[in-house]
N, C-alpha and C. Protein backbone atom coordinates (compact mmCIF):
# COMPACT_ATOMS: atom_id res chain seq x y z
N UNK A 1 15.70 -4.17 -9.31
CA UNK A 1 15.08 -2.75 -9.99
C UNK A 1 16.52 -2.42 -11.07
N UNK A 2 16.74 -2.94 -12.43
CA UNK A 2 17.69 -2.58 -12.94
C UNK A 2 17.48 -0.60 -13.07
N UNK A 3 18.86 -0.10 -13.39
CA UNK A 3 18.77 1.07 -12.88
C UNK A 3 18.32 1.42 -14.69
N UNK A 4 17.52 2.32 -14.90
CA UNK A 4 16.92 2.44 -15.87
C UNK A 4 16.80 4.38 -16.49
N UNK A 5 17.46 5.05 -17.76
CA UNK A 5 17.95 6.44 -17.39
C UNK A 5 16.20 7.07 -17.10
N UNK A 6 16.27 8.32 -16.91
CA UNK A 6 14.87 9.05 -16.38
C UNK A 6 13.92 8.93 -17.79
N UNK A 7 14.89 9.57 -19.56
CA UNK A 7 14.82 9.73 -20.23
C UNK A 7 13.12 8.05 -20.76
N UNK A 8 13.86 6.82 -20.87
CA UNK A 8 13.83 5.68 -21.53
C UNK A 8 12.00 5.78 -20.14
N UNK A 9 11.98 5.80 -19.48
CA UNK A 9 10.61 5.91 -18.43
C UNK A 9 9.58 7.05 -18.72
N UNK A 10 10.19 7.72 -19.19
CA UNK A 10 9.57 8.95 -19.34
C UNK A 10 9.28 9.06 -21.03
N UNK A 11 9.47 7.95 -21.83
CA UNK A 11 9.44 7.46 -23.21
C UNK A 11 8.17 6.39 -23.08
N UNK A 12 8.81 5.63 -21.89
CA UNK A 12 7.46 4.59 -22.15
C UNK A 12 6.35 4.85 -21.01
N UNK A 13 6.80 5.50 -19.90
CA UNK A 13 5.42 5.84 -18.79
C UNK A 13 4.46 6.79 -19.48
N UNK A 14 5.36 7.85 -19.91
CA UNK A 14 4.73 8.98 -20.15
C UNK A 14 4.79 10.06 -18.57
N UNK A 15 3.19 10.22 -18.58
CA UNK A 15 3.30 11.55 -17.34
C UNK A 15 3.44 10.71 -16.05
N UNK A 16 3.27 8.85 -16.18
CA UNK A 16 3.24 7.75 -14.88
C UNK A 16 4.69 8.15 -14.63
N UNK A 17 5.42 8.53 -15.04
CA UNK A 17 7.44 8.50 -14.38
C UNK A 17 7.11 9.24 -13.28
N UNK A 18 6.83 10.18 -14.04
CA UNK A 18 6.58 11.31 -12.43
C UNK A 18 6.47 10.01 -11.02
N UNK A 19 6.13 9.57 -11.24
CA UNK A 19 5.25 8.56 -9.78
C UNK A 19 6.92 7.66 -9.35
N UNK A 20 7.17 7.05 -10.31
CA UNK A 20 8.18 6.31 -10.40
C UNK A 20 9.47 7.57 -9.76
N UNK A 21 9.92 8.44 -11.03
CA UNK A 21 11.10 8.82 -10.62
C UNK A 21 10.82 9.66 -9.22
N UNK A 22 9.58 10.29 -9.04
CA UNK A 22 9.88 11.59 -7.65
C UNK A 22 9.32 11.26 -6.56
N UNK A 23 8.41 9.99 -6.62
CA UNK A 23 7.15 9.41 -5.59
C UNK A 23 6.07 10.41 -5.89
N UNK A 24 5.40 9.61 -4.51
CA UNK A 24 3.54 10.33 -4.07
C UNK A 24 3.88 10.50 -2.18
N UNK A 25 3.39 11.80 -2.12
CA UNK A 25 4.02 12.31 -0.72
C UNK A 25 2.58 11.74 0.17
N UNK A 26 2.41 11.24 0.67
CA UNK A 26 0.88 10.79 0.89
C UNK A 26 0.99 10.93 2.96
N UNK A 27 -0.10 11.11 3.26
CA UNK A 27 -0.38 11.63 4.67
C UNK A 27 -1.26 10.62 5.61
N UNK A 28 -0.38 10.17 6.34
CA UNK A 28 -1.29 9.04 6.89
C UNK A 28 -2.69 9.62 7.56
N UNK A 29 -2.53 10.62 7.68
CA UNK A 29 -3.78 11.24 8.37
C UNK A 29 -4.97 11.09 6.80
N UNK A 30 -4.40 11.18 6.17
CA UNK A 30 -5.25 11.30 5.11
C UNK A 30 -5.92 9.83 4.80
N UNK A 31 -4.99 8.96 4.83
CA UNK A 31 -5.06 7.29 4.88
C UNK A 31 -5.89 6.91 5.97
N UNK A 32 -6.19 7.89 6.70
CA UNK A 32 -6.82 6.70 7.73
C UNK A 32 -8.47 7.25 7.51
N UNK A 33 -9.24 8.05 7.21
CA UNK A 33 -10.16 8.72 6.37
C UNK A 33 -10.89 7.28 5.61
N UNK A 34 -10.20 6.65 4.67
CA UNK A 34 -10.81 5.84 3.49
C UNK A 34 -11.07 4.84 3.95
N UNK A 35 -11.81 3.69 3.23
CA UNK A 35 -12.06 2.52 3.93
C UNK A 35 -11.95 1.53 3.83
N UNK A 36 -10.49 1.42 4.30
CA UNK A 36 -9.80 0.54 3.60
C UNK A 36 -8.29 0.30 4.82
N UNK A 37 -9.26 -1.81 4.29
CA UNK A 37 -7.89 -2.05 5.97
C UNK A 37 -7.21 -2.90 5.81
N UNK A 38 -5.94 -2.48 6.27
CA UNK A 38 -4.49 -2.25 5.85
C UNK A 38 -4.49 -4.27 6.46
N UNK A 39 -3.77 -5.03 5.47
CA UNK A 39 -3.01 -6.66 6.59
C UNK A 39 -2.55 -6.28 7.67
N UNK A 40 -1.69 -5.09 7.38
CA UNK A 40 -0.58 -5.18 8.82
C UNK A 40 -0.65 -3.36 9.06
N UNK A 41 -1.32 -3.00 9.60
CA UNK A 41 -1.40 -1.08 10.32
C UNK A 41 -0.17 -0.95 10.49
N UNK A 42 0.52 -1.79 11.30
CA UNK A 42 1.51 -1.41 11.67
C UNK A 42 2.87 -2.11 11.19
N UNK A 43 4.49 -1.00 11.06
CA UNK A 43 5.07 -1.99 10.56
C UNK A 43 6.09 -3.31 11.00
N UNK A 44 5.68 -3.06 12.56
CA UNK A 44 6.78 -4.22 12.62
C UNK A 44 5.84 -5.53 12.53
N UNK A 45 4.25 -5.47 12.04
CA UNK A 45 3.75 -6.69 11.59
C UNK A 45 4.28 -7.22 10.33
N UNK A 46 4.72 -6.00 9.87
CA UNK A 46 4.63 -6.27 8.38
C UNK A 46 6.09 -7.07 8.65
N UNK A 47 7.10 -6.35 8.91
CA UNK A 47 8.41 -6.35 8.88
C UNK A 47 8.64 -8.67 9.38
N UNK A 48 7.63 -8.23 10.48
CA UNK A 48 7.78 -10.24 11.02
C UNK A 48 7.10 -11.04 9.90
N UNK A 49 6.00 -10.58 9.48
CA UNK A 49 6.04 -11.32 8.66
C UNK A 49 6.79 -11.61 7.31
N UNK A 50 7.09 -10.44 6.78
CA UNK A 50 8.38 -10.57 5.60
C UNK A 50 9.61 -11.52 6.65
N UNK A 51 9.97 -11.19 7.69
CA UNK A 51 11.20 -11.99 7.60
C UNK A 51 11.04 -13.50 8.28
N UNK A 52 9.57 -13.86 8.31
CA UNK A 52 9.48 -15.60 8.75
C UNK A 52 9.80 -16.25 7.28
């Protein structure tokens, strides 16, 4: 991704720019309580698939 100044992202994305610039903190424990099946629940499986 090319380097884009923060003010440009804020102009384009508005409040959503915070997600791109600062990230989102998510607890692994909180994700266990939602009804969602991860394709790769473990990092090892995801990396193996990626590097094939």
